[in-house]
């Protein structure tokens, strides 16, 4: 199914798993160098975002209602946070946003959590399948550097993010929109060809 495309009013984000953050903070020089090689951000920015994510997760997990009644993903880049997931009420959705904004170091929060029931394990598995399908198509597209475009999928909604040139972004969005099962595409890119100070290495 062709998904509609929504452009979030952000330019920069990245998804970092908690395990990845912890690993980055305690990794050896060789491991850290390997991680940096596949990320367009500086190593310092990667570590800052990892630390920030740990702080946010600690705050959210200390709230019984948030942990029990919601499902969320955190996407972070340079202190800017995008929230994906589900909450049963507008009040709880806002509560998550408020908790994140209260964390020192958060530059901005963009709340894409939907007011809806928490998705099932079957739906989560389907989201993983969608992500794999998109990644496989990105991998064979010679116009796209695979480390530039990253993906998060939540309830059929695809978030594309990273540091790219416009041609890469356009191709990635087209691939996602025409992937079976995609209901909506959000794109959150930093355009390297519009920022002379950006480094594509």
N, C-alpha and C. Protein backbone atom coordinates (compact mmCIF):
# COMPACT_ATOMS: atom_id res chain seq x y z
N UNK A 1 0.84 -1.17 0.00
CA UNK A 1 0.00 0.00 0.00
C UNK A 1 0.88 1.23 0.00
N UNK A 2 0.50 2.21 -0.82
CA UNK A 2 1.28 3.44 -0.88
C UNK A 2 0.98 4.28 0.34
N UNK A 3 2.01 4.64 1.08
CA UNK A 3 1.81 5.42 2.30
C UNK A 3 1.87 6.90 1.98
N UNK A 4 1.15 7.69 2.76
CA UNK A 4 1.25 9.12 2.62
C UNK A 4 2.56 9.57 3.22
N UNK A 5 3.04 10.72 2.79
CA UNK A 5 4.33 11.23 3.27
C UNK A 5 4.11 12.46 4.13
N UNK A 6 4.69 12.45 5.34
CA UNK A 6 4.60 13.59 6.23
C UNK A 6 6.01 14.03 6.57
N UNK A 7 6.30 15.28 6.39
CA UNK A 7 7.61 15.81 6.74
C UNK A 7 7.56 16.44 8.11
N UNK A 8 8.29 15.89 9.06
CA UNK A 8 8.35 16.44 10.41
C UNK A 8 9.18 17.71 10.37
N UNK A 9 8.82 18.70 11.18
CA UNK A 9 9.54 19.97 11.17
C UNK A 9 10.85 19.91 11.91
N UNK A 10 11.68 18.94 11.51
CA UNK A 10 13.01 18.75 12.09
C UNK A 10 13.99 18.54 10.96
N UNK A 11 15.25 18.75 11.21
CA UNK A 11 16.27 18.45 10.22
C UNK A 11 17.16 17.30 10.64
N UNK A 12 17.26 17.03 11.93
CA UNK A 12 18.25 16.06 12.40
C UNK A 12 17.65 15.09 13.39
N UNK A 13 17.91 13.77 13.22
CA UNK A 13 17.62 12.80 14.28
C UNK A 13 18.42 11.55 14.05
N UNK A 14 18.45 10.70 15.06
CA UNK A 14 19.05 9.39 14.90
C UNK A 14 18.51 8.48 15.95
N UNK A 15 18.37 7.21 15.62
CA UNK A 15 17.93 6.22 16.60
C UNK A 15 19.15 5.52 17.14
N UNK A 16 19.24 5.42 18.46
CA UNK A 16 20.33 4.70 19.12
C UNK A 16 19.71 3.79 20.15
N UNK A 17 19.99 2.50 20.08
CA UNK A 17 19.44 1.59 21.09
C UNK A 17 20.16 1.79 22.40
N UNK A 18 19.48 1.47 23.51
CA UNK A 18 20.11 1.62 24.83
C UNK A 18 21.36 0.78 24.93
N UNK A 19 21.30 -0.45 24.41
CA UNK A 19 22.48 -1.30 24.47
C UNK A 19 23.63 -0.69 23.68
N UNK A 20 23.28 -0.07 22.56
CA UNK A 20 24.30 0.60 21.76
C UNK A 20 24.92 1.76 22.49
N UNK A 21 24.08 2.51 23.23
CA UNK A 21 24.59 3.64 24.01
C UNK A 21 25.55 3.17 25.08
N UNK A 22 25.15 2.18 25.84
CA UNK A 22 26.01 1.66 26.90
C UNK A 22 27.30 1.14 26.30
N UNK A 23 27.19 0.46 25.16
CA UNK A 23 28.38 -0.07 24.52
C UNK A 23 29.32 1.03 24.08
N UNK A 24 28.74 2.12 23.58
CA UNK A 24 29.57 3.23 23.13
C UNK A 24 30.30 3.89 24.28
N UNK A 25 29.64 3.92 25.43
CA UNK A 25 30.24 4.60 26.56
C UNK A 25 31.39 3.80 27.18
N UNK A 26 31.35 2.48 27.04
CA UNK A 26 32.37 1.66 27.69
C UNK A 26 33.23 0.90 26.69
N UNK A 27 33.04 1.17 25.42
CA UNK A 27 33.72 0.40 24.38
C UNK A 27 35.21 0.71 24.34
N UNK A 28 35.93 -0.20 23.74
CA UNK A 28 37.35 0.03 23.48
C UNK A 28 37.48 1.01 22.32
N UNK A 29 38.68 1.52 22.12
CA UNK A 29 38.91 2.48 21.05
C UNK A 29 38.55 1.90 19.70
N UNK A 30 38.87 0.64 19.48
CA UNK A 30 38.60 0.01 18.19
C UNK A 30 37.10 -0.07 17.92
N UNK A 31 36.33 -0.44 18.92
CA UNK A 31 34.89 -0.56 18.74
C UNK A 31 34.27 0.80 18.48
N UNK A 32 34.67 1.79 19.26
CA UNK A 32 34.14 3.13 19.08
C UNK A 32 34.46 3.65 17.69
N UNK A 33 35.68 3.40 17.23
CA UNK A 33 36.06 3.84 15.90
C UNK A 33 35.19 3.19 14.84
N UNK A 34 34.85 1.94 15.04
CA UNK A 34 33.99 1.25 14.09
C UNK A 34 32.60 1.84 14.06
N UNK A 35 32.06 2.21 15.22
CA UNK A 35 30.74 2.84 15.27
C UNK A 35 30.76 4.19 14.60
N UNK A 36 31.80 4.97 14.86
CA UNK A 36 31.89 6.30 14.28
C UNK A 36 31.96 6.25 12.76
N UNK A 37 32.57 5.20 12.24
CA UNK A 37 32.74 5.08 10.80
C UNK A 37 31.42 4.91 10.07
N UNK A 38 30.40 4.44 10.77
CA UNK A 38 29.09 4.22 10.13
C UNK A 38 28.07 5.27 10.53
N UNK A 39 28.50 6.35 11.11
CA UNK A 39 27.60 7.41 11.55
C UNK A 39 28.14 8.74 11.08
N UNK A 40 27.27 9.58 10.52
CA UNK A 40 27.72 10.86 9.99
C UNK A 40 27.96 11.90 11.08
N UNK A 41 27.52 11.62 12.30
CA UNK A 41 27.81 12.52 13.42
C UNK A 41 29.23 12.32 13.92
N UNK A 42 29.73 13.32 14.64
CA UNK A 42 31.03 13.14 15.29
C UNK A 42 30.89 12.15 16.43
N UNK A 43 32.01 11.57 16.85
CA UNK A 43 31.98 10.64 17.97
C UNK A 43 31.48 11.32 19.23
N UNK A 44 31.89 12.57 19.44
CA UNK A 44 31.43 13.31 20.61
C UNK A 44 29.92 13.47 20.63
N UNK A 45 29.33 13.78 19.47
CA UNK A 45 27.88 13.93 19.40
C UNK A 45 27.17 12.61 19.62
N UNK A 46 27.76 11.53 19.11
CA UNK A 46 27.17 10.20 19.33
C UNK A 46 27.11 9.88 20.82
N UNK A 47 28.21 10.13 21.52
CA UNK A 47 28.26 9.83 22.95
C UNK A 47 27.32 10.73 23.75
N UNK A 48 27.22 11.99 23.34
CA UNK A 48 26.29 12.91 24.01
C UNK A 48 24.85 12.41 23.86
N UNK A 49 24.50 11.97 22.66
CA UNK A 49 23.13 11.48 22.44
C UNK A 49 22.88 10.18 23.21
N UNK A 50 23.88 9.33 23.29
CA UNK A 50 23.75 8.09 24.06
C UNK A 50 23.49 8.39 25.54
N UNK A 51 24.28 9.31 26.07
CA UNK A 51 24.11 9.68 27.48
C UNK A 51 22.73 10.27 27.72
N UNK A 52 22.29 11.12 26.81
CA UNK A 52 20.98 11.73 26.94
C UNK A 52 19.87 10.68 26.88
N UNK A 53 20.03 9.70 26.01
CA UNK A 53 19.00 8.67 25.91
C UNK A 53 18.90 7.86 27.21
N UNK A 54 20.03 7.55 27.80
CA UNK A 54 20.01 6.81 29.07
C UNK A 54 19.26 7.61 30.14
N UNK A 55 19.51 8.92 30.18
CA UNK A 55 18.82 9.76 31.17
C UNK A 55 17.32 9.79 30.93
N UNK A 56 16.92 9.90 29.66
CA UNK A 56 15.50 9.94 29.33
C UNK A 56 14.82 8.62 29.69
N UNK A 57 15.45 7.51 29.32
CA UNK A 57 14.87 6.21 29.63
C UNK A 57 14.73 6.00 31.13
N UNK A 58 15.72 6.45 31.88
CA UNK A 58 15.65 6.33 33.35
C UNK A 58 14.44 7.08 33.88
N UNK A 59 14.21 8.29 33.36
CA UNK A 59 13.08 9.10 33.82
C UNK A 59 11.74 8.46 33.44
N UNK A 60 11.63 7.98 32.22
CA UNK A 60 10.37 7.38 31.77
C UNK A 60 10.08 6.08 32.51
N UNK A 61 11.12 5.30 32.75
CA UNK A 61 10.92 4.01 33.42
C UNK A 61 10.61 4.16 34.90
N UNK A 62 10.85 5.34 35.45
CA UNK A 62 10.51 5.58 36.86
C UNK A 62 9.04 5.94 37.04
N UNK A 63 8.33 6.16 35.91
CA UNK A 63 6.91 6.51 35.96
C UNK A 63 6.08 5.25 35.69
N UNK A 64 5.36 4.80 36.71
CA UNK A 64 4.61 3.55 36.61
C UNK A 64 3.56 3.59 35.51
N UNK A 65 2.86 4.71 35.37
CA UNK A 65 1.79 4.81 34.37
C UNK A 65 2.35 4.76 32.95
N UNK A 66 3.45 5.44 32.73
CA UNK A 66 4.06 5.43 31.40
C UNK A 66 4.54 4.03 31.05
N UNK A 67 5.19 3.37 31.99
CA UNK A 67 5.72 2.03 31.72
C UNK A 67 4.60 1.01 31.50
N UNK A 68 3.53 1.14 32.24
CA UNK A 68 2.46 0.14 32.19
C UNK A 68 1.53 0.34 30.99
N UNK A 69 1.27 1.60 30.64
CA UNK A 69 0.18 1.88 29.71
C UNK A 69 0.60 2.38 28.33
N UNK A 70 1.90 2.56 28.09
CA UNK A 70 2.32 3.12 26.81
C UNK A 70 3.41 2.26 26.16
N UNK A 71 3.64 2.55 24.91
CA UNK A 71 4.76 1.95 24.16
C UNK A 71 5.43 3.09 23.40
N UNK A 72 6.76 3.20 23.49
CA UNK A 72 7.42 4.34 22.87
C UNK A 72 8.79 3.96 22.31
N UNK A 73 9.22 4.74 21.32
CA UNK A 73 10.58 4.71 20.80
C UNK A 73 11.16 6.11 20.93
N UNK A 74 12.46 6.18 21.18
CA UNK A 74 13.16 7.46 21.25
C UNK A 74 14.13 7.58 20.08
N UNK A 75 14.04 8.67 19.36
CA UNK A 75 14.97 8.97 18.28
C UNK A 75 15.65 10.27 18.65
N UNK A 76 16.97 10.26 18.73
CA UNK A 76 17.70 11.42 19.25
C UNK A 76 18.85 11.80 18.33
N UNK A 77 19.02 13.08 18.10
CA UNK A 77 20.19 13.58 17.37
C UNK A 77 20.50 14.99 17.85
N UNK A 78 21.72 15.18 18.32
CA UNK A 78 22.17 16.49 18.79
C UNK A 78 21.20 17.10 19.80
N UNK A 79 20.67 16.29 20.68
CA UNK A 79 19.80 16.78 21.73
C UNK A 79 18.34 16.94 21.34
N UNK A 80 18.04 16.74 20.07
CA UNK A 80 16.65 16.83 19.59
C UNK A 80 16.03 15.44 19.65
N UNK A 81 14.84 15.35 20.25
CA UNK A 81 14.19 14.06 20.47
C UNK A 81 12.90 13.96 19.66
N UNK A 82 12.73 12.83 18.98
CA UNK A 82 11.46 12.50 18.35
C UNK A 82 10.89 11.29 19.07
N UNK A 83 9.62 11.37 19.44
CA UNK A 83 8.94 10.28 20.14
C UNK A 83 7.98 9.57 19.20
N UNK A 84 8.07 8.24 19.15
CA UNK A 84 7.13 7.42 18.40
C UNK A 84 6.46 6.46 19.37
N UNK A 85 5.25 6.02 19.05
CA UNK A 85 4.61 5.02 19.89
C UNK A 85 3.13 5.23 20.06
N UNK A 86 2.58 4.67 21.15
CA UNK A 86 1.16 4.74 21.41
C UNK A 86 0.91 5.05 22.89
N UNK A 87 -0.15 5.81 23.14
CA UNK A 87 -0.61 6.10 24.50
C UNK A 87 -2.14 6.08 24.47
N UNK A 88 -2.79 5.62 25.53
CA UNK A 88 -4.25 5.49 25.51
C UNK A 88 -5.00 6.81 25.64
N UNK A 89 -4.31 7.88 26.05
CA UNK A 89 -4.98 9.16 26.23
C UNK A 89 -4.06 10.31 25.83
N UNK A 90 -4.68 11.44 25.53
CA UNK A 90 -3.91 12.63 25.20
C UNK A 90 -3.10 13.09 26.41
N UNK A 91 -3.67 12.91 27.60
CA UNK A 91 -2.98 13.33 28.82
C UNK A 91 -1.69 12.55 29.04
N UNK A 92 -1.74 11.24 28.81
CA UNK A 92 -0.54 10.42 29.01
C UNK A 92 0.48 10.69 27.91
N UNK A 93 0.01 10.93 26.72
CA UNK A 93 0.89 11.30 25.62
C UNK A 93 1.65 12.58 25.99
N UNK A 94 0.93 13.55 26.54
CA UNK A 94 1.55 14.81 26.95
C UNK A 94 2.48 14.61 28.13
N UNK A 95 2.14 13.67 29.00
CA UNK A 95 2.97 13.39 30.17
C UNK A 95 4.35 12.89 29.76
N UNK A 96 4.39 12.05 28.74
CA UNK A 96 5.68 11.57 28.22
C UNK A 96 6.50 12.73 27.69
N UNK A 97 5.86 13.56 26.90
CA UNK A 97 6.56 14.72 26.33
C UNK A 97 7.11 15.62 27.43
N UNK A 98 6.31 15.88 28.46
CA UNK A 98 6.73 16.73 29.57
C UNK A 98 7.93 16.13 30.29
N UNK A 99 7.90 14.81 30.51
CA UNK A 99 9.00 14.14 31.19
C UNK A 99 10.29 14.26 30.40
N UNK A 100 10.21 14.13 29.09
CA UNK A 100 11.39 14.22 28.23
C UNK A 100 11.94 15.65 28.22
N UNK A 101 11.06 16.63 28.12
CA UNK A 101 11.50 18.03 28.08
C UNK A 101 12.20 18.45 29.37
N UNK A 102 11.89 17.77 30.47
CA UNK A 102 12.48 18.13 31.76
C UNK A 102 13.92 17.65 31.92
N UNK A 103 14.39 16.80 31.00
CA UNK A 103 15.74 16.26 31.11
C UNK A 103 16.76 17.29 30.62
N UNK A 104 17.76 17.62 31.45
CA UNK A 104 18.80 18.57 31.01
C UNK A 104 19.50 18.06 29.75
N UNK A 105 19.70 18.94 28.79
CA UNK A 105 20.37 18.57 27.56
C UNK A 105 19.43 18.35 26.39
N UNK A 106 18.13 18.24 26.66
CA UNK A 106 17.15 18.08 25.58
C UNK A 106 16.93 19.44 24.92
N UNK A 107 17.23 19.52 23.65
CA UNK A 107 17.10 20.79 22.93
C UNK A 107 15.68 21.04 22.45
N UNK A 108 15.00 19.98 22.03
CA UNK A 108 13.63 20.09 21.53
C UNK A 108 13.00 18.71 21.52
N UNK A 109 11.67 18.67 21.59
CA UNK A 109 10.94 17.41 21.55
C UNK A 109 9.84 17.50 20.49
N UNK A 110 9.79 16.50 19.62
CA UNK A 110 8.73 16.39 18.62
C UNK A 110 7.96 15.11 18.91
N UNK A 111 6.73 15.28 19.31
CA UNK A 111 5.94 14.16 19.82
C UNK A 111 5.08 13.55 18.71
N UNK A 112 5.48 12.37 18.23
CA UNK A 112 4.72 11.64 17.21
C UNK A 112 4.03 10.41 17.81
N UNK A 113 3.86 10.39 19.13
CA UNK A 113 3.14 9.29 19.77
C UNK A 113 1.66 9.42 19.43
N UNK A 114 1.05 8.31 19.01
CA UNK A 114 -0.36 8.31 18.62
C UNK A 114 -1.24 7.95 19.81
N UNK A 115 -2.40 8.58 19.86
CA UNK A 115 -3.37 8.22 20.90
C UNK A 115 -4.15 7.00 20.41
N UNK A 116 -3.69 5.83 20.84
CA UNK A 116 -4.27 4.57 20.38
C UNK A 116 -3.81 3.45 21.30
N UNK A 117 -4.42 2.27 21.20
CA UNK A 117 -3.97 1.13 22.01
C UNK A 117 -2.54 0.73 21.66
N UNK A 118 -1.85 0.14 22.61
CA UNK A 118 -0.50 -0.35 22.38
C UNK A 118 -0.53 -1.44 21.31
N UNK A 119 0.43 -1.40 20.40
CA UNK A 119 0.45 -2.39 19.32
C UNK A 119 0.82 -3.77 19.86
N UNK A 120 0.36 -4.79 19.16
CA UNK A 120 0.59 -6.17 19.57
C UNK A 120 1.98 -6.65 19.16
N UNK A 121 2.39 -7.79 19.71
CA UNK A 121 3.66 -8.39 19.32
C UNK A 121 3.66 -8.74 17.83
N UNK A 122 2.51 -9.12 17.32
CA UNK A 122 2.41 -9.44 15.90
C UNK A 122 2.67 -8.20 15.05
N UNK A 123 2.15 -7.07 15.48
CA UNK A 123 2.36 -5.82 14.75
C UNK A 123 3.82 -5.39 14.83
N UNK A 124 4.43 -5.58 16.00
CA UNK A 124 5.85 -5.25 16.15
C UNK A 124 6.70 -6.09 15.20
N UNK A 125 6.36 -7.37 15.10
CA UNK A 125 7.08 -8.26 14.18
C UNK A 125 6.89 -7.80 12.74
N UNK A 126 5.69 -7.35 12.42
CA UNK A 126 5.43 -6.86 11.07
C UNK A 126 6.21 -5.58 10.79
N UNK A 127 6.34 -4.73 11.79
CA UNK A 127 7.16 -3.52 11.63
C UNK A 127 8.62 -3.89 11.33
N UNK A 128 9.12 -4.92 12.00
CA UNK A 128 10.49 -5.38 11.75
C UNK A 128 10.64 -5.89 10.32
N UNK A 129 9.62 -6.57 9.84
CA UNK A 129 9.63 -7.06 8.46
C UNK A 129 9.65 -5.89 7.48
N UNK A 130 8.84 -4.87 7.74
CA UNK A 130 8.82 -3.68 6.88
C UNK A 130 10.20 -3.03 6.85
N UNK A 131 10.81 -2.87 8.03
CA UNK A 131 12.13 -2.24 8.10
C UNK A 131 13.16 -3.04 7.30
N UNK A 132 13.09 -4.37 7.40
CA UNK A 132 14.03 -5.21 6.66
C UNK A 132 13.83 -5.07 5.15
N UNK A 133 12.58 -5.00 4.72
CA UNK A 133 12.29 -4.83 3.29
C UNK A 133 12.86 -3.51 2.78
N UNK A 134 12.66 -2.45 3.54
CA UNK A 134 13.16 -1.15 3.11
C UNK A 134 14.69 -1.12 3.11
N UNK A 135 15.30 -1.66 4.16
CA UNK A 135 16.77 -1.67 4.22
C UNK A 135 17.37 -2.44 3.05
N UNK A 136 16.75 -3.54 2.69
CA UNK A 136 17.29 -4.34 1.59
C UNK A 136 17.23 -3.57 0.27
N UNK A 137 16.18 -2.77 0.09
CA UNK A 137 16.07 -1.97 -1.13
C UNK A 137 17.03 -0.78 -1.11
N UNK A 138 17.23 -0.20 0.06
CA UNK A 138 18.21 0.88 0.17
C UNK A 138 19.62 0.38 -0.13
N UNK A 139 19.89 -0.84 0.31
CA UNK A 139 21.22 -1.42 0.16
C UNK A 139 21.62 -1.58 -1.31
N UNK A 140 20.66 -1.89 -2.16
CA UNK A 140 20.97 -2.13 -3.58
C UNK A 140 20.83 -0.87 -4.43
N UNK A 141 20.39 0.22 -3.82
CA UNK A 141 20.25 1.48 -4.55
C UNK A 141 21.60 2.18 -4.58
N UNK A 142 22.18 2.32 -5.75
CA UNK A 142 23.53 2.86 -5.87
C UNK A 142 23.59 4.37 -5.62
N UNK A 143 22.44 5.02 -5.57
CA UNK A 143 22.42 6.46 -5.31
C UNK A 143 22.43 6.79 -3.83
N UNK A 144 22.26 5.76 -2.98
CA UNK A 144 22.14 5.98 -1.55
C UNK A 144 23.31 5.35 -0.81
N UNK A 145 23.98 6.14 0.03
CA UNK A 145 24.99 5.59 0.93
C UNK A 145 24.25 5.05 2.15
N UNK A 146 24.35 3.75 2.37
CA UNK A 146 23.50 3.09 3.34
C UNK A 146 23.67 3.65 4.75
N UNK A 147 24.86 4.15 5.10
CA UNK A 147 25.06 4.70 6.44
C UNK A 147 24.45 6.10 6.60
N UNK A 148 23.96 6.67 5.50
CA UNK A 148 23.34 7.99 5.57
C UNK A 148 21.88 7.91 5.98
N UNK A 149 21.16 6.91 5.47
CA UNK A 149 19.72 6.80 5.71
C UNK A 149 19.44 5.73 6.75
N UNK A 150 18.76 6.10 7.81
CA UNK A 150 18.39 5.17 8.87
C UNK A 150 16.88 5.09 8.97
N UNK A 151 16.41 4.03 9.64
CA UNK A 151 14.98 3.71 9.61
C UNK A 151 14.48 3.37 11.01
N UNK A 152 13.28 3.84 11.32
CA UNK A 152 12.52 3.36 12.47
C UNK A 152 11.10 3.12 11.99
N UNK A 153 10.49 2.03 12.44
CA UNK A 153 9.12 1.71 12.03
C UNK A 153 8.28 1.50 13.29
N UNK A 154 7.11 2.11 13.32
CA UNK A 154 6.21 1.99 14.46
C UNK A 154 4.76 1.95 13.95
N UNK A 155 4.11 0.79 14.13
CA UNK A 155 2.71 0.63 13.73
C UNK A 155 2.48 0.97 12.26
N UNK A 156 3.40 0.56 11.42
CA UNK A 156 3.27 0.79 9.99
C UNK A 156 3.74 2.15 9.53
N UNK A 157 4.11 3.02 10.46
CA UNK A 157 4.64 4.33 10.10
C UNK A 157 6.16 4.25 10.03
N UNK A 158 6.72 4.72 8.95
CA UNK A 158 8.16 4.65 8.72
C UNK A 158 8.78 6.02 8.93
N UNK A 159 9.79 6.08 9.78
CA UNK A 159 10.57 7.29 9.96
C UNK A 159 11.91 7.10 9.28
N UNK A 160 12.22 7.96 8.33
CA UNK A 160 13.52 7.98 7.67
C UNK A 160 14.28 9.18 8.18
N UNK A 161 15.56 8.98 8.55
CA UNK A 161 16.32 10.07 9.13
C UNK A 161 17.79 9.90 8.83
N UNK A 162 18.55 10.95 9.08
CA UNK A 162 19.98 10.89 8.87
C UNK A 162 20.47 12.10 8.10
N UNK A 163 21.74 12.07 7.72
CA UNK A 163 22.37 13.15 6.97
C UNK A 163 22.55 12.70 5.53
N UNK A 164 21.88 13.39 4.60
CA UNK A 164 21.82 12.94 3.22
C UNK A 164 21.91 14.13 2.26
N UNK A 165 22.10 13.81 0.99
CA UNK A 165 21.87 14.81 -0.06
C UNK A 165 20.43 14.60 -0.52
N UNK A 166 19.87 15.59 -1.20
CA UNK A 166 18.44 15.54 -1.54
C UNK A 166 18.08 14.34 -2.42
N UNK A 167 18.96 13.97 -3.32
CA UNK A 167 18.68 12.83 -4.19
C UNK A 167 18.53 11.55 -3.38
N UNK A 168 19.37 11.40 -2.36
CA UNK A 168 19.26 10.23 -1.48
C UNK A 168 17.92 10.24 -0.75
N UNK A 169 17.54 11.39 -0.24
CA UNK A 169 16.29 11.51 0.50
C UNK A 169 15.10 11.17 -0.39
N UNK A 170 15.10 11.69 -1.60
CA UNK A 170 13.98 11.45 -2.52
C UNK A 170 13.86 9.97 -2.87
N UNK A 171 14.99 9.32 -3.11
CA UNK A 171 14.97 7.89 -3.43
C UNK A 171 14.51 7.06 -2.23
N UNK A 172 15.00 7.42 -1.04
CA UNK A 172 14.63 6.67 0.16
C UNK A 172 13.14 6.80 0.45
N UNK A 173 12.61 8.00 0.30
CA UNK A 173 11.17 8.20 0.54
C UNK A 173 10.34 7.41 -0.46
N UNK A 174 10.76 7.43 -1.73
CA UNK A 174 10.02 6.68 -2.75
C UNK A 174 10.03 5.18 -2.44
N UNK A 175 11.17 4.67 -2.02
CA UNK A 175 11.27 3.25 -1.67
C UNK A 175 10.32 2.93 -0.52
N UNK A 176 10.35 3.75 0.52
CA UNK A 176 9.50 3.49 1.68
C UNK A 176 8.02 3.58 1.33
N UNK A 177 7.65 4.58 0.58
CA UNK A 177 6.23 4.80 0.26
C UNK A 177 5.62 3.63 -0.49
N UNK A 178 6.41 2.97 -1.32
CA UNK A 178 5.88 1.89 -2.14
C UNK A 178 6.19 0.50 -1.58
N UNK A 179 6.63 0.45 -0.34
CA UNK A 179 6.86 -0.83 0.32
C UNK A 179 5.56 -1.34 0.92
N UNK A 180 5.25 -2.59 0.69
CA UNK A 180 4.01 -3.17 1.19
C UNK A 180 3.91 -3.05 2.71
N UNK A 181 2.74 -2.62 3.18
CA UNK A 181 2.50 -2.52 4.62
C UNK A 181 2.76 -1.15 5.20
N UNK A 182 3.39 -0.26 4.44
CA UNK A 182 3.69 1.08 4.95
C UNK A 182 2.42 1.95 4.88
N UNK A 183 2.09 2.54 6.01
CA UNK A 183 0.89 3.37 6.08
C UNK A 183 1.20 4.86 5.99
N UNK A 184 2.39 5.23 6.41
CA UNK A 184 2.77 6.64 6.43
C UNK A 184 4.28 6.73 6.47
N UNK A 185 4.82 7.77 5.83
CA UNK A 185 6.27 7.99 5.85
C UNK A 185 6.56 9.37 6.43
N UNK A 186 7.37 9.38 7.47
CA UNK A 186 7.88 10.63 8.04
C UNK A 186 9.34 10.74 7.66
N UNK A 187 9.76 11.90 7.21
CA UNK A 187 11.17 12.07 6.84
C UNK A 187 11.78 13.19 7.67
N UNK A 188 12.91 12.88 8.26
CA UNK A 188 13.60 13.80 9.17
C UNK A 188 15.08 13.79 8.78
N UNK A 189 15.43 14.65 7.85
CA UNK A 189 16.76 14.63 7.28
C UNK A 189 17.52 15.92 7.52
N UNK A 190 18.85 15.79 7.58
CA UNK A 190 19.75 16.92 7.45
C UNK A 190 20.30 16.85 6.04
N UNK A 191 20.14 17.93 5.28
CA UNK A 191 20.58 17.92 3.89
C UNK A 191 22.02 18.41 3.77
N UNK A 192 22.91 17.49 3.48
CA UNK A 192 24.33 17.80 3.41
C UNK A 192 24.65 18.75 2.26
N UNK A 193 23.90 18.66 1.17
CA UNK A 193 24.18 19.51 0.02
C UNK A 193 23.67 20.94 0.22
N UNK A 194 23.04 21.20 1.37
CA UNK A 194 22.60 22.56 1.69
C UNK A 194 23.39 23.12 2.87
N UNK A 195 24.34 22.35 3.38
CA UNK A 195 25.15 22.77 4.52
C UNK A 195 26.62 22.63 4.16
N UNK A 196 27.28 23.70 3.74
CA UNK A 196 28.68 23.60 3.31
C UNK A 196 29.63 23.16 4.39
N UNK A 197 29.22 23.24 5.67
CA UNK A 197 30.09 22.85 6.76
C UNK A 197 29.94 21.37 7.10
N UNK A 198 28.92 20.69 6.52
CA UNK A 198 28.69 19.30 6.85
C UNK A 198 29.76 18.42 6.24
N UNK A 199 30.02 17.31 6.89
CA UNK A 199 31.06 16.38 6.44
C UNK A 199 30.40 15.05 6.07
N UNK A 200 30.54 14.61 4.85
CA UNK A 200 29.90 13.40 4.37
C UNK A 200 30.71 12.15 4.68
N UNK A 201 31.92 12.30 5.23
CA UNK A 201 32.77 11.13 5.45
C UNK A 201 32.23 10.24 6.54
